[in-house]
Amino acid sequence: MSSHGEPKPVFARATRGLSGIATVPGDKSISHRSLILGALSIGETKITGLLEGDDVLDTGRAMQAFGAQVERKGEGEWSVHGVGVGGFREPDQVIDCGNSGTGVRLIMGAMATCDISATFTGDASLRSRPMGRITDPLELFGTRSWGRRGGKLPLTVVGAANPVPVKYTTPMPSAQVKSAVLLAALNAPGTTVVTEREATRDHTERMLAGFGATISTERTDEGNVITLTGQPELTAQTVSVPRDPSSAAFPVAAALLVEGSEITVPGVSLNPTRSGFYDTVREMGADIEFSNSREEGGEPVADLIVRFSALKGVEVPPERAASMIDEYPILTVLAANAEGKTVMRGVKELRVKESDRIDAMARGLEACGVTVEEGPDFMIVHGQGPGGVAGGATVESRLDHRIAMSFLCLSLSTRDRVTVDDGNPITTSFPDFVNLMRGLGAEIVDAVPAQA
């Protein structure tokens, strides 16, 4: 059973010629950070374009619990009156972060150097995910934590009463780990240094600088060395959230799959630490035009014009994984419809996302007639060519929004429809996904559950 209510099976019918404008929601990563940094600032932060999915709304409620005033002013328009660095109060209730690994990990970092305690939980998917990768480096500041075996939620974090600055090298490419440490460093005296061997999305660094923190990044032979001076006074900002490249990947993929399609996706963030998916699909032969390139909210953005394309399999460079980690599920769908095999290595992080995404996509694609090879850190999809996937299966979403959306996009191009056992998780990141796809010409239909 879904933690979002009774499971809602849904399927998509094959269609021809998607067309129109696909206005995708605001970037989820930047939306989370806007609320958190607004809460850690002095004054009123005004946010436009905020993603109003369940994950981000849970973060907004958490900021209220820590003492910030968070108010919705209109569609995508929010106001945050912050309490300043170190100003979080101890929440009266358990902090429920729903399905959001980004939310819970960043919030833990933000409160880890405040002299307060907080208990965190989430839905069944989030409670199964490892938190030790966050709590271990936070302990270097003087933070303590207790949770279930394996460091899983529910978990209580006791903030450091007398935090110290740290030097830390991330053991895996993870923007969440890096960001949690940087947010914790805000209330620690002195200078904290974080080294990441492989570059990950840099929204936290960009936004910290925008809010007034003293932060720098130096590229060295050891990787990116990020230096942050603690105990700044962050100043409230006006934040315009660009549109999410990870959400845009779904209508983009659908247009590439469905013959006769041409769609426009306006205002998509093309931050170089997030653009790996678009680099990869263009290498596969995708007809994607970037137009009206500009900067919004400190991020490079462009309008994407996407047309149906016959794709070919490629080998994705392992070093690209961090810049497209959330897009691998939908990439496997494109790979299934490409000529030849697509090889994806360096993707072990997919094993510990909202679900084991390698296993989820492999099992679902196999049920649809696609040959998939997999290992702890790789996945190889043997393409069936354009329109060559049989389909005709019911696949498990596993409480994972990206798995659900990926298989609905696949179903638009299969010979027989693909049913997703539960479409409810989609609301965590892309609440208007179904309506948007229907507006482009896709048929997405609620399925009637089989009778017991």
Protein backbone atom coordinates (compact mmCIF):
# COMPACT_ATOMS: atom_id res chain seq x y z
CA MET A 1 0.00 0.00 0.00
CA SER A 2 1.24 3.49 -0.80
CA SER A 3 2.02 5.88 2.01
CA HIS A 4 0.29 8.48 -0.15
CA GLY A 5 -3.10 6.77 0.27
CA GLU A 6 -4.67 3.83 -1.51
CA PRO A 7 -2.59 2.75 -4.54
CA LYS A 8 -3.80 4.34 -7.78
CA PRO A 9 -2.90 2.25 -10.83
CA VAL A 10 -2.43 4.33 -13.97
CA PHE A 11 -1.36 3.70 -17.56
CA ALA A 12 -0.56 5.64 -20.71
CA ARG A 13 -1.74 4.80 -24.21
CA ALA A 14 0.43 5.02 -27.27
CA THR A 15 -0.21 8.22 -29.17
CA ARG A 16 1.22 10.14 -32.07
CA GLY A 17 2.62 13.59 -32.30
CA LEU A 18 2.98 15.25 -28.91
CA SER A 19 2.94 19.01 -29.35
CA GLY A 20 2.68 22.22 -27.38
CA ILE A 21 4.42 23.96 -24.51
CA ALA A 22 5.48 21.92 -21.47
CA THR A 23 5.87 24.27 -18.52
CA VAL A 24 7.57 22.14 -15.90
CA PRO A 25 7.70 23.05 -12.19
CA GLY A 26 10.44 24.90 -10.38
CA ASP A 27 13.69 23.16 -9.60
CA LYS A 28 13.28 20.91 -6.57
CA SER A 29 16.86 21.26 -5.34
CA ILE A 30 16.72 25.06 -5.44
CA SER A 31 13.23 25.11 -3.91
CA HIS A 32 14.42 23.15 -0.84
CA ARG A 33 17.45 25.38 -0.44
CA SER A 34 15.44 28.59 -0.88
CA LEU A 35 13.24 27.72 2.08
CA ILE A 36 16.12 26.58 4.29
CA LEU A 37 18.42 29.52 3.52
CA GLY A 38 15.49 31.92 3.87
CA ALA A 39 14.87 30.47 7.34
CA LEU A 40 18.57 30.95 8.24
CA SER A 41 18.59 34.59 7.08
CA ILE A 42 17.63 37.91 8.63
CA GLY A 43 14.62 39.57 7.00
CA GLU A 44 12.05 38.41 4.46
CA THR A 45 13.07 36.14 1.60
CA LYS A 46 10.65 36.29 -1.33
CA ILE A 47 10.52 33.22 -3.54
CA THR A 48 8.84 32.89 -6.94
CA GLY A 49 8.54 29.71 -8.98
CA LEU A 50 8.77 27.43 -5.93
CA LEU A 51 7.96 23.80 -6.63
CA GLU A 52 4.77 23.08 -4.70
CA GLY A 53 5.22 19.32 -4.57
CA ASP A 54 4.88 17.29 -1.39
CA ASP A 55 8.65 17.10 -0.80
CA VAL A 56 9.17 20.86 -0.80
CA LEU A 57 6.01 21.56 1.18
CA ASP A 58 7.31 19.19 3.87
CA THR A 59 10.50 21.26 4.03
CA GLY A 60 8.45 24.44 4.38
CA ARG A 61 6.54 22.93 7.30
CA ALA A 62 9.83 21.90 8.88
CA MET A 63 11.17 25.46 8.67
CA GLN A 64 8.02 26.63 10.46
CA ALA A 65 8.63 24.04 13.19
CA PHE A 66 12.15 25.44 13.68
CA GLY A 67 10.75 28.96 14.16
CA ALA A 68 10.70 30.63 10.74
CA GLN A 69 7.54 32.27 9.37
CA VAL A 70 6.69 30.59 6.08
CA GLU A 71 3.69 31.82 4.10
CA ARG A 72 2.26 31.11 0.67
CA LYS A 73 1.38 34.33 -1.16
CA GLY A 74 0.17 32.89 -4.45
CA GLU A 75 0.90 30.16 -6.97
CA GLY A 76 4.61 29.44 -6.55
CA GLU A 77 5.06 32.64 -4.51
CA TRP A 78 6.27 32.25 -0.92
CA SER A 79 7.58 34.44 1.85
CA VAL A 80 10.05 33.31 4.53
CA HIS A 81 10.87 35.46 7.55
CA GLY A 82 14.09 33.94 8.85
CA VAL A 83 15.54 33.54 12.33
CA GLY A 84 19.20 33.94 11.35
CA VAL A 85 22.14 31.54 11.52
CA GLY A 86 21.99 29.65 14.82
CA GLY A 87 18.48 30.91 15.52
CA PHE A 88 16.53 27.68 15.10
CA ARG A 89 14.30 26.82 18.06
CA GLU A 90 13.65 23.27 19.19
CA PRO A 91 10.58 21.90 17.39
CA ASP A 92 7.60 20.74 19.44
CA GLN A 93 6.85 17.78 17.18
CA VAL A 94 8.56 15.13 15.09
CA ILE A 95 9.74 16.49 11.74
CA ASP A 96 8.10 14.43 8.99
CA CYS A 97 9.98 14.82 5.70
CA GLY A 98 7.67 12.52 3.74
CA ASN A 99 9.52 11.07 0.76
CA SER A 100 12.34 13.59 0.56
CA GLY A 101 15.92 12.48 1.08
CA THR A 102 17.12 15.94 0.07
CA GLY A 103 14.83 17.63 2.57
CA VAL A 104 15.69 15.49 5.59
CA ARG A 105 19.45 15.52 4.97
CA LEU A 106 19.71 19.25 4.36
CA ILE A 107 17.53 20.06 7.37
CA MET A 108 19.65 17.81 9.58
CA GLY A 109 22.69 19.77 8.45
CA ALA A 110 21.03 23.13 9.04
CA MET A 111 20.12 22.29 12.67
CA ALA A 112 23.18 20.18 13.53
CA THR A 113 25.19 23.05 15.03
CA CYS A 114 22.28 24.61 16.96
CA ASP A 115 21.92 23.74 20.64
CA ILE A 116 18.62 21.93 20.09
CA SER A 117 17.31 18.43 19.42
CA ALA A 118 14.95 17.20 16.72
CA THR A 119 13.50 13.85 15.71
CA PHE A 120 13.04 13.07 12.01
CA THR A 121 10.87 10.54 10.21
CA GLY A 122 9.35 10.00 6.77
CA ASP A 123 7.35 7.62 4.65
CA ALA A 124 8.19 3.93 4.20
CA SER A 125 10.63 4.70 1.38
CA LEU A 126 12.50 7.40 3.31
CA ARG A 127 12.65 5.26 6.45
CA SER A 128 14.52 2.61 4.45
CA ARG A 129 17.26 4.99 3.26
CA PRO A 130 20.69 5.34 4.91
CA MET A 131 21.31 8.44 7.03
CA GLY A 132 24.77 7.49 8.32
CA ARG A 133 26.33 9.24 5.34
CA ILE A 134 24.93 12.46 6.86
CA THR A 135 25.16 11.83 10.60
CA ASP A 136 28.78 10.60 10.44
CA PRO A 137 30.24 13.89 9.14
CA LEU A 138 27.89 15.93 11.35
CA GLU A 139 29.41 14.21 14.39
CA LEU A 140 32.70 15.93 13.51
CA PHE A 141 31.05 19.23 14.49
CA GLY A 142 30.03 17.74 17.86
CA THR A 143 26.56 16.61 16.85
CA ARG A 144 25.12 13.34 18.16
CA SER A 145 22.37 11.15 16.75
CA TRP A 146 20.39 8.01 17.53
CA GLY A 147 18.21 6.09 15.11
CA ARG A 148 17.20 2.63 14.01
CA ARG A 149 19.82 0.03 13.16
CA GLY A 150 21.80 1.16 10.15
CA GLY A 151 21.19 4.80 11.04
CA LYS A 152 17.70 4.78 9.56
CA LEU A 153 14.71 6.94 10.43
CA PRO A 154 13.10 7.65 12.82
CA LEU A 155 16.25 9.35 14.04
CA THR A 156 16.96 11.97 16.70
CA VAL A 157 19.68 14.56 16.15
CA VAL A 158 21.15 16.47 19.10
CA GLY A 159 22.82 19.63 17.86
CA ALA A 160 26.30 20.61 18.93
CA ALA A 161 26.23 23.10 21.83
CA ASN A 162 29.83 24.18 21.06
CA PRO A 163 30.41 23.33 17.40
CA VAL A 164 33.87 23.29 15.88
CA PRO A 165 34.87 23.78 12.23
CA VAL A 166 35.84 20.69 10.27
CA LYS A 167 37.84 19.47 7.30
CA TYR A 168 35.95 16.78 5.43
CA THR A 169 36.32 14.83 2.20
CA THR A 170 33.10 13.34 0.88
CA PRO A 171 33.50 9.55 0.44
CA MET A 172 31.08 9.46 -2.50
CA PRO A 173 29.81 12.06 -4.98
CA SER A 174 26.76 13.40 -3.15
CA ALA A 175 25.41 16.94 -3.23
CA GLN A 176 23.25 16.08 -0.22
CA VAL A 177 26.23 15.14 1.95
CA LYS A 178 28.25 18.15 0.82
CA SER A 179 25.32 20.49 1.38
CA ALA A 180 24.53 19.12 4.84
CA VAL A 181 28.11 19.71 5.95
CA LEU A 182 28.15 23.25 4.51
CA LEU A 183 24.85 24.13 6.19
CA ALA A 184 26.15 22.79 9.50
CA ALA A 185 29.32 24.85 9.05
CA LEU A 186 27.31 28.06 8.97
CA ASN A 187 26.97 28.07 12.78
CA ALA A 188 30.48 26.79 13.52
CA PRO A 189 33.24 29.34 14.23
CA GLY A 190 36.25 29.50 11.97
CA THR A 191 36.68 27.93 8.56
CA THR A 192 35.24 24.62 7.35
CA VAL A 193 36.74 22.94 4.28
CA VAL A 194 34.89 20.32 2.23
CA THR A 195 36.65 18.43 -0.55
CA GLU A 196 34.72 16.48 -3.19
CA ARG A 197 36.69 14.33 -5.59
CA GLU A 198 33.93 14.46 -8.21
CA ALA A 199 31.91 17.62 -8.79
CA THR A 200 28.24 17.45 -7.79
CA ARG A 201 25.43 19.97 -8.22
CA ASP A 202 26.58 23.30 -6.83
CA HIS A 203 23.27 25.00 -5.95
CA THR A 204 24.19 25.22 -2.26
CA GLU A 205 27.47 27.02 -2.95
CA ARG A 206 25.87 29.43 -5.43
CA MET A 207 22.98 30.21 -3.09
CA LEU A 208 25.10 30.57 0.04
CA ALA A 209 27.17 33.19 -1.77
CA GLY A 210 23.97 34.91 -2.91
CA PHE A 211 22.69 35.09 0.68
CA GLY A 212 25.96 36.67 1.85
CA ALA A 213 28.16 33.81 3.07
CA THR A 214 31.91 33.91 2.46
CA ILE A 215 32.47 30.78 0.40
CA SER A 216 34.91 29.82 -2.34
CA THR A 217 35.60 26.80 -4.53
CA GLU A 218 39.07 25.88 -5.80
CA ARG A 219 39.61 23.17 -8.37
CA THR A 220 42.66 21.09 -7.48
CA ASP A 221 44.17 17.72 -8.38
CA GLU A 222 42.29 16.28 -5.37
CA GLY A 223 38.95 17.66 -6.58
CA ASN A 224 36.85 20.67 -5.64
CA VAL A 225 37.95 22.27 -2.37
CA ILE A 226 35.13 24.35 -0.88
CA THR A 227 35.96 26.77 1.94
CA LEU A 228 33.24 28.39 4.09
CA THR A 229 33.70 30.96 6.85
CA GLY A 230 31.32 30.23 9.70
CA GLN A 231 28.89 32.43 11.61
CA PRO A 232 27.98 34.89 8.85
CA GLU A 233 24.86 37.02 8.96
CA LEU A 234 22.87 35.83 5.98
CA THR A 235 20.68 38.47 4.39
CA ALA A 236 17.22 37.72 2.99
CA GLN A 237 17.03 37.58 -0.81
CA THR A 238 14.55 37.55 -3.66
CA VAL A 239 14.83 34.12 -5.28
CA SER A 240 13.48 33.24 -8.73
CA VAL A 241 13.51 29.44 -8.97
CA PRO A 242 14.38 28.20 -12.50
CA ARG A 243 12.53 25.22 -13.93
CA ASP A 244 13.73 21.78 -12.94
CA PRO A 245 15.92 19.95 -15.51
CA SER A 246 15.12 16.62 -13.85
CA SER A 247 11.37 17.17 -14.21
CA ALA A 248 11.84 18.48 -17.76
CA ALA A 249 13.53 15.19 -18.67
CA PHE A 250 10.15 13.40 -18.71
CA PRO A 251 8.29 15.45 -21.35
CA VAL A 252 11.59 15.73 -23.24
CA ALA A 253 11.91 11.94 -23.30
CA ALA A 254 8.26 11.48 -24.27
CA ALA A 255 8.69 13.78 -27.27
CA LEU A 256 11.83 11.93 -28.33
CA LEU A 257 9.93 8.62 -28.15
CA VAL A 258 6.66 9.49 -29.90
CA GLU A 259 6.88 9.83 -33.67
CA GLY A 260 5.79 13.20 -35.05
CA SER A 261 6.38 15.10 -31.78
CA GLU A 262 7.65 18.63 -31.36
CA ILE A 263 7.38 20.39 -28.00
CA THR A 264 8.88 23.43 -26.28
CA VAL A 265 10.01 23.32 -22.65
CA PRO A 266 10.66 26.91 -21.51
CA GLY A 267 13.05 28.23 -18.89
CA VAL A 268 14.91 25.04 -17.95
CA SER A 269 17.99 25.30 -15.73
CA LEU A 270 21.13 24.23 -17.57
CA ASN A 271 23.49 24.44 -14.61
CA PRO A 272 26.55 22.48 -15.82
CA THR A 273 26.42 20.28 -12.70
CA ARG A 274 22.89 19.20 -13.74
CA SER A 275 23.10 18.93 -17.54
CA GLY A 276 24.50 15.41 -17.99
CA PHE A 277 21.19 13.97 -19.20
CA TYR A 278 20.94 16.50 -22.02
CA ASP A 279 24.56 15.95 -23.04
CA THR A 280 23.90 12.19 -23.14
CA VAL A 281 20.69 12.20 -25.16
CA ARG A 282 22.21 14.55 -27.71
CA GLU A 283 25.05 12.04 -28.08
CA MET A 284 22.34 9.43 -28.67
CA GLY A 285 21.05 11.52 -31.57
CA ALA A 286 18.31 13.53 -29.88
CA ASP A 287 17.04 16.57 -31.78
CA ILE A 288 17.08 19.16 -28.98
CA GLU A 289 17.59 22.84 -29.67
CA PHE A 290 18.55 25.26 -26.88
CA SER A 291 17.12 28.71 -27.54
CA ASN A 292 16.86 32.03 -25.70
CA SER A 293 19.78 31.25 -23.39
CA ARG A 294 19.83 33.56 -20.35
CA GLU A 295 20.41 33.70 -16.59
CA GLU A 296 17.68 33.54 -13.96
CA GLY A 297 18.26 33.42 -10.20
CA GLY A 298 21.98 32.99 -10.73
CA GLU A 299 21.44 29.91 -12.91
CA PRO A 300 21.90 29.52 -16.69
CA VAL A 301 18.58 28.66 -18.34
CA ALA A 302 17.26 28.11 -21.87
CA ASP A 303 14.13 27.10 -23.73
CA LEU A 304 14.28 23.56 -25.12
CA ILE A 305 12.74 22.67 -28.48
CA VAL A 306 12.49 18.88 -28.71
CA ARG A 307 11.54 16.71 -31.70
CA PHE A 308 11.04 12.97 -32.19
CA SER A 309 14.38 11.26 -32.82
CA ALA A 310 15.63 7.81 -33.70
CA LEU A 311 18.20 7.20 -30.98
CA LYS A 312 21.29 5.01 -30.83
CA GLY A 313 22.87 3.39 -27.80
CA VAL A 314 25.91 4.98 -26.19
CA GLU A 315 28.32 4.42 -23.31
CA VAL A 316 27.71 7.07 -20.67
CA PRO A 317 30.97 8.28 -19.08
CA PRO A 318 31.02 7.26 -15.39
CA GLU A 319 32.27 10.71 -14.39
CA ARG A 320 29.01 12.15 -15.75
CA ALA A 321 26.87 10.25 -13.23
CA ALA A 322 26.76 12.95 -10.57
CA SER A 323 25.38 15.49 -13.05
CA MET A 324 22.44 13.26 -14.05
CA ILE A 325 21.88 10.87 -11.17
CA ASP A 326 18.13 11.55 -11.02
CA GLU A 327 17.70 11.12 -14.78
CA TYR A 328 18.97 7.54 -15.12
CA PRO A 329 15.48 5.98 -14.79
CA ILE A 330 14.12 7.95 -17.74
CA LEU A 331 17.40 7.46 -19.63
CA THR A 332 16.90 3.69 -19.42
CA VAL A 333 13.51 4.16 -21.10
CA LEU A 334 15.16 6.02 -23.97
CA ALA A 335 17.87 3.35 -24.08
CA ALA A 336 15.21 0.64 -24.42
CA ASN A 337 13.95 2.40 -27.57
CA ALA A 338 17.41 3.04 -29.04
CA GLU A 339 19.33 0.96 -31.56
CA GLY A 340 22.09 -0.97 -29.82
CA LYS A 341 23.05 -1.10 -26.19
CA THR A 342 23.46 1.73 -23.70
CA VAL A 343 26.05 1.23 -20.96
CA MET A 344 25.75 3.12 -17.65
CA ARG A 345 28.55 2.71 -15.10
CA GLY A 346 29.44 4.48 -11.88
CA VAL A 347 25.78 4.52 -10.82
CA LYS A 348 25.83 2.73 -7.44
CA GLU A 349 24.14 5.79 -5.88
CA LEU A 350 20.96 4.66 -7.66
CA ARG A 351 20.79 1.72 -5.26
CA VAL A 352 20.00 4.03 -2.31
CA LYS A 353 17.59 6.56 -3.79
CA GLU A 354 13.83 6.59 -3.10
CA SER A 355 14.02 2.98 -4.25
CA ASP A 356 16.77 0.76 -5.63
CA ARG A 357 16.37 2.39 -9.02
CA ILE A 358 18.64 -0.03 -10.86
CA ASP A 359 16.57 -2.98 -9.70
CA ALA A 360 13.25 -1.18 -10.20
CA MET A 361 13.99 -0.19 -13.80
CA ALA A 362 15.64 -3.51 -14.68
CA ARG A 363 12.70 -5.57 -13.44
CA GLY A 364 10.15 -3.30 -15.08
CA LEU A 365 11.95 -3.20 -18.43
CA GLU A 366 12.43 -6.97 -18.41
CA ALA A 367 8.69 -7.39 -17.83
CA CYS A 368 8.18 -5.27 -20.96
CA GLY A 369 10.49 -7.49 -23.06
CA VAL A 370 13.77 -5.58 -22.77
CA THR A 371 17.06 -7.32 -21.97
CA VAL A 372 18.91 -5.65 -19.10
CA GLU A 373 22.25 -6.50 -17.48
CA GLU A 374 23.02 -5.08 -14.06
CA GLY A 375 25.55 -5.14 -11.25
CA PRO A 376 26.26 -3.23 -8.06
CA ASP A 377 27.52 -0.20 -9.99
CA PHE A 378 26.35 -0.61 -13.58
CA MET A 379 23.38 -1.14 -15.86
CA ILE A 380 23.34 -2.12 -19.55
CA VAL A 381 20.12 -1.80 -21.57
CA HIS A 382 19.84 -3.62 -24.90
CA GLY A 383 17.75 -1.34 -27.10
CA GLN A 384 14.83 -2.60 -29.17
CA GLY A 385 14.86 0.30 -31.62
CA PRO A 386 12.19 3.01 -31.99
CA GLY A 387 8.78 1.62 -31.02
CA GLY A 388 10.27 -1.84 -30.49
CA VAL A 389 9.40 -2.40 -26.83
CA ALA A 390 6.53 -4.85 -26.38
CA GLY A 391 5.13 -3.55 -23.08
CA GLY A 392 2.02 -5.30 -21.81
CA ALA A 393 3.12 -5.43 -18.17
CA THR A 394 2.19 -3.99 -14.80
CA VAL A 395 5.27 -2.53 -13.10
CA GLU A 396 5.92 -1.44 -9.53
CA SER A 397 6.56 2.23 -8.77
CA ARG A 398 8.01 1.28 -5.35
CA LEU A 399 6.89 4.59 -3.81
CA ASP A 400 9.28 6.31 -6.24
CA HIS A 401 8.05 9.25 -8.31
CA ARG A 402 10.72 8.92 -10.98
CA ILE A 403 10.06 5.22 -11.52
CA ALA A 404 6.33 5.93 -11.97
CA MET A 405 6.86 8.76 -14.46
CA SER A 406 9.51 6.82 -16.40
CA PHE A 407 7.24 3.86 -17.07
CA LEU A 408 4.33 6.10 -18.04
CA CYS A 409 6.58 7.71 -20.64
CA LEU A 410 7.64 4.25 -21.83
CA SER A 411 4.00 3.25 -22.24
CA LEU A 412 3.48 6.02 -24.79
CA SER A 413 5.70 4.13 -27.26
CA THR A 414 5.09 0.43 -26.47
CA ARG A 415 3.01 -1.96 -28.57
CA ASP A 416 0.88 -2.86 -25.53
CA ARG A 417 0.21 -0.53 -22.66
CA VAL A 418 2.32 -0.47 -19.49
CA THR A 419 0.45 -0.05 -16.21
CA VAL A 420 2.11 1.53 -13.18
CA ASP A 421 0.77 -0.03 -9.99
CA ASP A 422 0.63 3.30 -8.11
CA GLY A 423 0.82 6.79 -9.56
CA ASN A 424 0.45 8.58 -6.22
CA PRO A 425 4.19 9.15 -5.60
CA ILE A 426 4.36 11.47 -8.63
CA THR A 427 2.98 14.32 -6.50
CA THR A 428 6.17 14.45 -4.42
CA SER A 429 8.06 16.22 -7.21
CA PHE A 430 5.75 16.89 -10.18
CA PRO A 431 2.14 17.35 -9.02
CA ASP A 432 0.93 18.52 -12.45
CA PHE A 433 2.70 15.82 -14.48
CA VAL A 434 -0.43 14.02 -15.68
CA ASN A 435 -2.23 17.22 -16.70
CA LEU A 436 0.88 18.53 -18.45
CA MET A 437 1.31 15.34 -20.45
CA ARG A 438 -2.37 15.26 -21.36
CA GLY A 439 -2.04 18.84 -22.57
CA LEU A 440 0.69 17.72 -24.99
CA GLY A 441 -1.59 15.01 -26.38
CA ALA A 442 -0.71 11.99 -24.29
CA GLU A 443 -3.46 9.73 -23.00
CA ILE A 444 -2.84 8.93 -19.33
CA VAL A 445 -5.67 6.98 -17.76
CA ASP A 446 -6.53 5.82 -14.26
CA ALA A 447 -6.64 2.02 -14.34
CA VAL A 448 -9.25 -0.01 -12.49
CA PRO A 449 -7.47 -2.18 -9.90
CA ALA A 450 -7.84 -5.91 -10.43
CA GLN A 451 -10.44 -7.50 -8.16
CA ALA A 452 -9.04 -9.69 -5.42
